[in-house]
């Protein structure tokens, strides 16, 4: 692994309920300047007043309460720093929230941690979360075998569970970059090597993280994906607003507005209350002006359209081959209507055909291809009511993932598996 110490690394932490995910996050924040000392002391004082032993997860509970009160802590991301780099934790509380977070941002994570209780072993959500990481293409995965304090920090239970995990993960095509025995509650092998597990010759969690290389933002020459959120007229000037989801753009670039393939040039890049920019890169929320901005008197730019460069265009289609994860407790009949949300696009659709289906925790193939139940994973063909601008997930992930809604509720997340002409 490369010792790349620059930039910020995004981590998503997953695992079965009660296997210690919240404790791990609390420990990482507490030990690495992710939360103020007076907050830690306040939570410890509350624990003493209740005659409870301090648990790092209580710290995370306190932070969540603040977020619920609309204070300044981000609702889905938490931050800490080791002095070598800054880290962002994508907080995904449970499997339904997890898939929603993955669809809306966690698929951009550089790295994932799968946490497993050494006393309980693999459970339903362990398998499901691992499969979802595989489905969404997150390859940098570290496995933490937690609660080693409950087995006296012995090597035997760790070794046996590690072998089981290697077998399961290998069966779904995953090759973790490492396994670490930890106790998130006591801090063993988190910030530094544990003296209680001298039999383990690897690095601590933080030591391992600090040696990881950071995935570069996709800025391959010719790539640009700029989904249009809205358009405003300011002082007689039409400003198109959105976020650069992939690649980059510069004033003067020749672009196409999809799905219409309307040709234009980027006239200017605008940022609210700041001077104009010459360039904009992935992740930046900006406004732009185009020349021309209209054709035959009609605007070529509107919400849901996607701006790209002429040399690399997304697919425009009504038929989409995809893999979806069903997150709703309500069974779905494929005759029922859905709404596909991809970037800023919102298009009515339906599942034309289920190609194959499996249970996401047991990996068992299922025979019923007319309906979908909670936590099932399906390869499907979607038919949209009008043209959708998409990419194969392996080419441009930002336009290759989507959500499905039913009666305004997010019921599934998915990725585009291949292009159709």
Protein backbone atom coordinates (compact mmCIF):
# COMPACT_ATOMS: atom_id res chain seq x y z
CA UNK A 1 0.00 0.00 0.00
CA UNK A 2 1.22 3.48 -0.81
CA UNK A 3 2.05 5.87 1.97
CA UNK A 4 -0.01 8.75 0.58
CA UNK A 5 -0.49 11.20 3.41
CA UNK A 6 -2.14 14.03 1.55
CA UNK A 7 -5.82 14.79 1.24
CA UNK A 8 -8.86 13.37 2.99
CA UNK A 9 -10.08 9.78 3.11
CA UNK A 10 -13.77 8.84 3.28
CA UNK A 11 -14.72 5.74 5.25
CA UNK A 12 -18.02 3.90 5.51
CA UNK A 13 -18.32 1.60 8.56
CA UNK A 14 -20.81 -1.27 8.39
CA UNK A 15 -21.75 -4.39 10.31
CA UNK A 16 -24.48 -6.28 12.10
CA UNK A 17 -26.47 -4.48 14.79
CA UNK A 18 -24.75 -4.52 18.22
CA UNK A 19 -21.42 -5.66 16.80
CA UNK A 20 -19.84 -2.37 17.91
CA UNK A 21 -20.09 0.05 14.98
CA UNK A 22 -21.23 2.99 17.11
CA UNK A 23 -18.61 2.19 19.75
CA UNK A 24 -15.91 2.13 17.07
CA UNK A 25 -17.02 5.48 15.63
CA UNK A 26 -17.15 7.02 19.09
CA UNK A 27 -13.67 5.67 19.87
CA UNK A 28 -12.21 7.00 16.61
CA UNK A 29 -13.66 10.45 17.28
CA UNK A 30 -12.58 10.50 20.93
CA UNK A 31 -9.01 9.34 20.32
CA UNK A 32 -8.34 11.42 17.20
CA UNK A 33 -9.57 14.95 17.86
CA UNK A 34 -12.97 14.34 16.27
CA UNK A 35 -14.87 15.80 19.21
CA UNK A 36 -14.02 18.40 21.84
CA UNK A 37 -12.64 17.21 25.19
CA UNK A 38 -15.37 18.99 27.15
CA UNK A 39 -18.01 16.99 25.23
CA UNK A 40 -16.25 13.74 26.22
CA UNK A 41 -16.06 14.84 29.85
CA UNK A 42 -19.73 15.85 29.86
CA UNK A 43 -20.79 12.41 28.60
CA UNK A 44 -18.53 10.71 31.15
CA UNK A 45 -20.10 12.82 33.92
CA UNK A 46 -23.59 11.76 32.81
CA UNK A 47 -22.48 8.12 32.90
CA UNK A 48 -21.12 8.53 36.43
CA UNK A 49 -24.37 10.15 37.53
CA UNK A 50 -26.30 7.17 36.18
CA UNK A 51 -23.83 4.67 37.69
CA UNK A 52 -22.98 3.46 34.20
CA UNK A 53 -19.61 2.52 32.80
CA UNK A 54 -18.52 4.96 30.07
CA UNK A 55 -19.06 3.57 26.60
CA UNK A 56 -17.74 5.42 23.47
CA UNK A 57 -21.07 4.74 21.75
CA UNK A 58 -22.73 7.11 24.26
CA UNK A 59 -20.61 9.87 22.74
CA UNK A 60 -22.02 9.13 19.31
CA UNK A 61 -25.55 9.07 20.74
CA UNK A 62 -24.92 12.55 22.16
CA UNK A 63 -23.71 13.83 18.79
CA UNK A 64 -26.79 12.38 17.08
CA UNK A 65 -29.03 14.21 19.56
CA UNK A 66 -27.30 17.45 18.59
CA UNK A 67 -27.83 16.73 14.92
CA UNK A 68 -31.51 16.07 15.54
CA UNK A 69 -31.70 19.54 17.10
CA UNK A 70 -30.33 20.97 13.83
CA UNK A 71 -27.01 22.02 15.31
CA UNK A 72 -23.87 22.33 13.23
CA UNK A 73 -22.71 18.69 13.11
CA UNK A 74 -23.36 17.17 9.67
CA UNK A 75 -26.28 14.74 9.52
CA UNK A 76 -24.44 11.99 7.64
CA UNK A 77 -20.73 12.63 8.07
CA UNK A 78 -18.36 12.88 11.04
CA UNK A 79 -14.74 14.00 10.92
CA UNK A 80 -11.48 13.29 12.69
CA UNK A 81 -7.81 13.86 12.02
CA UNK A 82 -4.69 11.87 12.89
CA UNK A 83 -2.16 14.58 12.09
CA UNK A 84 -1.23 12.75 8.91
CA UNK A 85 -4.55 13.26 7.15
CA UNK A 86 -8.20 14.11 7.66
CA UNK A 87 -10.86 11.40 7.71
CA UNK A 88 -14.60 11.51 7.05
CA UNK A 89 -16.83 8.79 8.51
CA UNK A 90 -20.06 8.17 6.62
CA UNK A 91 -22.52 7.27 9.36
CA UNK A 92 -25.06 4.65 8.20
CA UNK A 93 -27.14 3.42 11.17
CA UNK A 94 -28.88 0.34 9.74
CA UNK A 95 -29.40 -1.64 6.58
CA UNK A 96 -32.22 0.52 5.16
CA UNK A 97 -30.47 3.74 6.08
CA UNK A 98 -27.25 2.18 4.83
CA UNK A 99 -28.50 1.57 1.32
CA UNK A 100 -30.06 5.05 1.18
CA UNK A 101 -26.74 6.56 2.24
CA UNK A 102 -24.86 4.42 -0.26
CA UNK A 103 -27.11 5.58 -3.09
CA UNK A 104 -26.80 9.25 -2.12
CA UNK A 105 -23.10 9.40 -1.36
CA UNK A 106 -21.43 6.54 0.45
CA UNK A 107 -20.63 4.82 -2.84
CA UNK A 108 -18.00 7.55 -3.17
CA UNK A 109 -16.19 6.22 -0.09
CA UNK A 110 -12.50 5.49 -0.56
CA UNK A 111 -12.55 2.73 2.03
CA UNK A 112 -14.89 0.55 4.08
CA UNK A 113 -14.62 -1.17 7.44
CA UNK A 114 -16.69 -4.27 8.17
CA UNK A 115 -16.95 -4.87 11.93
CA UNK A 116 -17.78 -8.33 13.34
CA UNK A 117 -18.30 -9.42 16.96
CA UNK A 118 -15.82 -12.20 17.80
CA UNK A 119 -18.34 -13.82 20.18
CA UNK A 120 -21.26 -13.87 17.70
CA UNK A 121 -19.53 -14.28 14.37
CA UNK A 122 -21.19 -13.55 11.05
CA UNK A 123 -24.84 -12.57 11.20
CA UNK A 124 -27.49 -11.56 8.68
CA UNK A 125 -26.43 -7.94 8.36
CA UNK A 126 -22.75 -8.92 8.26
CA UNK A 127 -23.38 -10.88 5.08
CA UNK A 128 -25.79 -8.32 3.65
CA UNK A 129 -23.54 -5.33 4.23
CA UNK A 130 -20.56 -7.19 2.80
CA UNK A 131 -22.55 -8.03 -0.30
CA UNK A 132 -23.69 -4.42 -0.68
CA UNK A 133 -20.10 -3.19 -0.49
CA UNK A 134 -19.25 -5.66 -3.25
CA UNK A 135 -22.31 -4.62 -5.27
CA UNK A 136 -21.35 -0.94 -5.08
CA UNK A 137 -17.77 -1.52 -6.08
CA UNK A 138 -16.02 -0.52 -2.85
CA UNK A 139 -12.85 -2.61 -3.02
CA UNK A 140 -10.71 -1.19 -0.20
CA UNK A 141 -12.22 -3.13 2.72
CA UNK A 142 -10.71 -3.73 6.15
CA UNK A 143 -12.31 -6.29 8.50
CA UNK A 144 -12.25 -5.52 12.22
CA UNK A 145 -12.94 -8.46 14.56
CA UNK A 146 -14.31 -6.65 17.61
CA UNK A 147 -14.96 -7.31 21.32
CA UNK A 148 -11.68 -9.16 21.82
CA UNK A 149 -11.91 -8.18 25.51
CA UNK A 150 -14.77 -10.68 25.85
CA UNK A 151 -12.51 -13.60 24.88
CA UNK A 152 -9.56 -12.50 26.98
CA UNK A 153 -7.74 -11.16 23.90
CA UNK A 154 -7.04 -14.76 22.86
CA UNK A 155 -5.78 -15.56 19.38
CA UNK A 156 -7.86 -18.72 18.88
CA UNK A 157 -11.37 -17.19 18.55
CA UNK A 158 -9.97 -14.47 16.27
CA UNK A 159 -8.27 -16.99 14.00
CA UNK A 160 -11.34 -19.19 13.67
CA UNK A 161 -13.65 -16.29 12.79
CA UNK A 162 -11.09 -14.86 10.38
CA UNK A 163 -11.07 -18.14 8.44
CA UNK A 164 -14.89 -18.16 8.24
CA UNK A 165 -14.91 -14.59 6.99
CA UNK A 166 -12.24 -15.28 4.38
CA UNK A 167 -14.34 -18.15 3.03
CA UNK A 168 -17.58 -16.13 2.86
CA UNK A 169 -16.02 -12.98 1.42
CA UNK A 170 -14.13 -15.02 -1.14
CA UNK A 171 -17.41 -16.64 -2.24
CA UNK A 172 -18.80 -13.21 -3.19
CA UNK A 173 -15.61 -12.09 -4.88
CA UNK A 174 -14.14 -9.93 -2.11
CA UNK A 175 -10.51 -9.88 -1.00
CA UNK A 176 -10.12 -7.66 2.12
CA UNK A 177 -6.92 -5.67 2.46
CA UNK A 178 -6.55 -6.77 6.08
CA UNK A 179 -8.00 -8.19 9.31
CA UNK A 180 -7.42 -6.56 12.71
CA UNK A 181 -8.46 -7.87 16.17
CA UNK A 182 -9.78 -4.94 18.21
CA UNK A 183 -11.73 -3.89 21.26
CA UNK A 184 -13.47 -0.65 20.36
CA UNK A 185 -14.73 -0.32 23.94
CA UNK A 186 -11.27 -0.43 25.56
CA UNK A 187 -9.39 1.04 22.61
CA UNK A 188 -7.13 -1.97 22.00
CA UNK A 189 -5.56 -1.88 18.52
CA UNK A 190 -7.49 1.25 17.55
CA UNK A 191 -5.12 4.23 17.84
CA UNK A 192 -2.01 2.16 18.59
CA UNK A 193 -0.79 -1.44 18.76
CA UNK A 194 -2.24 -3.42 21.64
CA UNK A 195 0.02 -4.74 24.39
CA UNK A 196 -2.67 -7.32 25.20
CA UNK A 197 -2.50 -8.95 21.74
CA UNK A 198 1.22 -9.25 21.12
CA UNK A 199 0.50 -12.34 19.01
CA UNK A 200 -0.92 -10.02 16.34
CA UNK A 201 1.89 -8.67 14.17
CA UNK A 202 -0.14 -6.20 12.10
CA UNK A 203 -0.82 -2.50 12.52
CA UNK A 204 -3.52 -0.75 14.53
CA UNK A 205 -6.62 0.61 12.80
CA UNK A 206 -5.20 4.14 12.61
CA UNK A 207 -1.78 2.85 11.60
CA UNK A 208 -3.39 0.91 8.76
CA UNK A 209 -5.57 3.83 7.65
CA UNK A 210 -2.64 6.23 7.56
CA UNK A 211 -0.84 3.98 5.08
CA UNK A 212 -3.72 3.73 2.61
CA UNK A 213 -3.55 5.57 -0.67
CA UNK A 214 -6.47 7.86 -1.50
CA UNK A 215 -8.54 7.19 -4.57
CA UNK A 216 -8.19 10.13 -6.93
CA UNK A 217 -11.31 12.01 -7.94
CA UNK A 218 -12.26 11.06 -11.48
CA UNK A 219 -10.78 13.75 -13.68
CA UNK A 220 -9.97 11.64 -16.70
CA UNK A 221 -9.52 13.84 -19.70
CA UNK A 222 -12.78 14.41 -21.55
CA UNK A 223 -15.05 13.33 -18.67
CA UNK A 224 -17.72 15.74 -17.41
CA UNK A 225 -21.05 15.04 -15.75
CA UNK A 226 -22.95 18.15 -14.62
CA UNK A 227 -26.62 17.35 -13.80
CA UNK A 228 -28.70 20.51 -13.94
CA UNK A 229 -30.54 21.32 -10.71
CA UNK A 230 -32.22 24.54 -11.82
CA UNK A 231 -31.86 27.68 -13.90
CA UNK A 232 -32.21 31.28 -12.71
CA UNK A 233 -32.32 34.61 -14.49
CA UNK A 234 -30.12 37.09 -12.64
CA UNK A 235 -29.82 40.62 -14.03
CA UNK A 236 -30.94 39.38 -17.43
CA UNK A 237 -28.42 36.52 -17.45
CA UNK A 238 -29.53 32.85 -17.49
CA UNK A 239 -27.46 30.96 -14.89
CA UNK A 240 -27.60 27.15 -14.85
CA UNK A 241 -26.87 25.71 -11.40
CA UNK A 242 -25.77 22.28 -10.24
CA UNK A 243 -22.87 20.25 -8.90
CA UNK A 244 -20.01 18.80 -10.90
CA UNK A 245 -20.55 15.09 -10.23
CA UNK A 246 -17.62 13.82 -12.29
CA UNK A 247 -14.65 15.32 -14.06
CA UNK A 248 -14.11 19.01 -14.61
CA UNK A 249 -15.05 21.92 -16.85
CA UNK A 250 -13.51 25.22 -17.87
CA UNK A 251 -14.76 28.39 -19.46
CA UNK A 252 -14.60 27.91 -23.23
CA UNK A 253 -15.24 24.14 -23.16
CA UNK A 254 -17.48 22.76 -25.88
CA UNK A 255 -20.30 20.78 -24.25
CA UNK A 256 -23.48 18.90 -25.04
CA UNK A 257 -26.73 19.15 -23.08
CA UNK A 258 -28.17 15.65 -22.84
CA UNK A 259 -30.46 13.95 -23.75
CA UNK A 260 -31.02 16.44 -26.59
CA UNK A 261 -27.35 16.63 -27.61
CA UNK A 262 -27.73 20.41 -27.87
CA UNK A 263 -24.27 21.86 -28.52
CA UNK A 264 -23.03 24.87 -26.58
CA UNK A 265 -19.93 26.43 -25.06
CA UNK A 266 -19.31 27.24 -21.41
CA UNK A 267 -19.32 31.02 -21.40
CA UNK A 268 -18.62 31.57 -17.68
CA UNK A 269 -18.42 29.73 -14.35
CA UNK A 270 -20.15 31.53 -11.49
CA UNK A 271 -19.94 31.03 -7.73
CA UNK A 272 -22.40 32.78 -5.42
CA UNK A 273 -20.95 35.93 -3.84
CA UNK A 274 -17.47 35.16 -5.20
CA UNK A 275 -15.47 36.14 -8.29
CA UNK A 276 -15.92 34.12 -11.46
CA UNK A 277 -13.85 30.94 -11.83
CA UNK A 278 -12.01 29.67 -14.86
CA UNK A 279 -12.42 26.01 -13.93
CA UNK A 280 -14.64 23.78 -11.76
CA UNK A 281 -13.95 20.24 -10.58
CA UNK A 282 -15.80 17.26 -9.15
CA UNK A 283 -17.77 18.12 -6.00
CA UNK A 284 -18.06 21.86 -6.64
CA UNK A 285 -21.52 23.46 -6.62
CA UNK A 286 -21.52 26.21 -9.24
CA UNK A 287 -23.52 28.19 -11.75
CA UNK A 288 -22.61 28.41 -15.42
CA UNK A 289 -23.72 30.37 -18.46
CA UNK A 290 -23.84 28.78 -21.88
CA UNK A 291 -23.55 30.20 -25.39
CA UNK A 292 -26.04 29.63 -26.87
CA UNK A 293 -28.44 29.02 -23.99
CA UNK A 294 -31.47 28.51 -26.23
CA UNK A 295 -32.44 27.02 -29.54
CA UNK A 296 -35.39 28.26 -31.62
CA UNK A 297 -36.47 30.37 -28.67
CA UNK A 298 -36.62 27.47 -26.20
CA UNK A 299 -34.15 26.90 -23.37
CA UNK A 300 -31.92 23.88 -23.90
CA UNK A 301 -31.18 23.72 -20.18
CA UNK A 302 -33.63 22.56 -17.52
CA UNK A 303 -33.65 20.46 -14.35
CA UNK A 304 -32.86 16.82 -15.01
CA UNK A 305 -30.72 17.36 -18.08
CA UNK A 306 -27.01 16.55 -17.95
CA UNK A 307 -24.13 18.55 -19.39
CA UNK A 308 -21.14 16.57 -20.67
CA UNK A 309 -18.19 17.05 -22.99
CA UNK A 310 -18.40 16.10 -26.65
CA UNK A 311 -15.71 13.41 -26.43
CA UNK A 312 -17.37 11.27 -23.72
CA UNK A 313 -21.15 11.17 -23.59
CA UNK A 314 -23.46 9.15 -21.31
CA UNK A 315 -26.06 6.77 -22.67
CA UNK A 316 -29.58 7.97 -23.46
CA UNK A 317 -32.13 5.19 -23.19
CA UNK A 318 -35.54 4.07 -22.00
CA UNK A 319 -34.31 0.54 -21.16
CA UNK A 320 -31.81 0.06 -18.34
CA UNK A 321 -30.03 -3.12 -17.29
CA UNK A 322 -29.45 -2.80 -13.55
CA UNK A 323 -28.89 -4.54 -10.25
CA UNK A 324 -31.15 -3.36 -7.44
CA UNK A 325 -31.33 -3.92 -3.68
CA UNK A 326 -34.90 -3.84 -2.33
CA UNK A 327 -34.99 -1.94 0.98
CA UNK A 328 -38.73 -1.70 1.61
CA UNK A 329 -40.65 -4.07 3.92
CA UNK A 330 -43.48 -3.96 1.37
CA UNK A 331 -43.36 -6.66 -1.31
CA UNK A 332 -43.31 -5.31 -4.85
CA UNK A 333 -45.29 -6.66 -7.79
CA UNK A 334 -43.42 -5.86 -10.99
CA UNK A 335 -46.64 -4.55 -12.56
CA UNK A 336 -46.60 -1.63 -10.09
CA UNK A 337 -45.18 1.74 -11.08
CA UNK A 338 -42.01 3.29 -9.67
CA UNK A 339 -40.08 6.54 -9.99
CA UNK A 340 -36.41 6.42 -10.93
CA UNK A 341 -34.17 9.10 -9.45
CA UNK A 342 -30.72 9.41 -11.01
CA UNK A 343 -28.80 12.59 -10.20
CA UNK A 344 -31.46 15.31 -10.73
CA UNK A 345 -33.61 13.18 -13.05
CA UNK A 346 -37.03 11.97 -11.86
CA UNK A 347 -38.67 9.61 -14.34
CA UNK A 348 -41.65 7.24 -13.94
CA UNK A 349 -40.65 3.65 -14.68
CA UNK A 350 -41.46 0.02 -14.04
CA UNK A 351 -39.57 -3.24 -13.85
CA UNK A 352 -40.07 -4.83 -17.23
CA UNK A 353 -38.34 -8.09 -16.30
CA UNK A 354 -36.52 -9.70 -13.37
CA UNK A 355 -33.58 -11.55 -14.88
CA UNK A 356 -32.42 -13.19 -11.64
CA UNK A 357 -32.93 -12.81 -7.90
CA UNK A 358 -31.08 -13.78 -4.74
CA UNK A 359 -31.22 -13.44 -0.96
CA UNK A 360 -28.56 -10.86 -0.02
CA UNK A 361 -27.60 -12.58 3.25
CA UNK A 362 -27.60 -16.27 2.25
CA UNK A 363 -26.69 -15.70 -1.45
CA UNK A 364 -29.39 -18.27 -2.30
CA UNK A 365 -30.84 -17.98 -5.80
CA UNK A 366 -34.61 -17.44 -5.75
CA UNK A 367 -37.14 -18.68 -8.31
CA UNK A 368 -39.98 -16.13 -8.01
CA UNK A 369 -39.35 -13.60 -10.80
CA UNK A 370 -42.67 -11.75 -10.52
CA UNK A 371 -42.26 -10.00 -7.18
CA UNK A 372 -39.52 -8.64 -4.91
CA UNK A 373 -39.23 -8.84 -1.13
CA UNK A 374 -37.22 -6.88 1.39
CA UNK A 375 -33.39 -7.28 1.19
CA UNK A 376 -33.54 -9.24 -2.07
CA UNK A 377 -31.04 -8.37 -4.79
CA UNK A 378 -32.26 -8.53 -8.37
CA UNK A 379 -30.81 -8.17 -11.84
CA UNK A 380 -33.59 -6.38 -13.72
CA UNK A 381 -34.51 -4.57 -16.90
CA UNK A 382 -36.14 -1.21 -16.13
CA UNK A 383 -38.35 0.59 -18.65
CA UNK A 384 -38.58 4.36 -18.19
CA UNK A 385 -41.47 6.41 -19.56
CA UNK A 386 -39.02 8.78 -21.24
CA UNK A 387 -35.33 8.89 -22.07
CA UNK A 388 -32.91 8.72 -19.14
CA UNK A 389 -29.28 9.91 -19.16
CA UNK A 390 -27.16 7.22 -17.50
CA UNK A 391 -23.68 5.68 -17.37
CA UNK A 392 -22.46 2.19 -16.71
CA UNK A 393 -21.54 2.17 -13.01
CA UNK A 394 -18.03 0.92 -13.77
CA UNK A 395 -17.42 3.86 -16.12
CA UNK A 396 -18.90 6.84 -14.24
CA UNK A 397 -20.32 5.75 -10.86
CA UNK A 398 -21.86 9.16 -10.20
CA UNK A 399 -24.35 8.68 -13.04
CA UNK A 400 -24.43 4.89 -12.75
CA UNK A 401 -26.35 4.66 -9.47
CA UNK A 402 -29.97 5.49 -8.77
CA UNK A 403 -32.83 5.20 -6.31
CA UNK A 404 -36.32 3.84 -6.91
CA UNK A 405 -39.34 5.39 -5.20
CA UNK A 406 -42.85 4.11 -4.69
CA UNK A 407 -45.54 6.46 -3.40
CA UNK A 408 -42.78 8.97 -2.49
CA UNK A 409 -40.89 6.43 -0.35
CA UNK A 410 -37.39 5.27 -1.31
CA UNK A 411 -37.79 1.51 -1.75
CA UNK A 412 -34.63 0.44 -3.58
CA UNK A 413 -31.18 1.48 -4.63
CA UNK A 414 -29.40 0.25 -7.70
CA UNK A 415 -26.56 0.51 -10.15
CA UNK A 416 -26.49 0.47 -13.94
CA UNK A 417 -24.75 -2.65 -15.17
CA UNK A 418 -24.34 -2.02 -18.89
CA UNK A 419 -25.17 0.47 -21.55
CA UNK A 420 -27.94 0.04 -24.07
CA UNK A 421 -27.77 1.89 -27.41
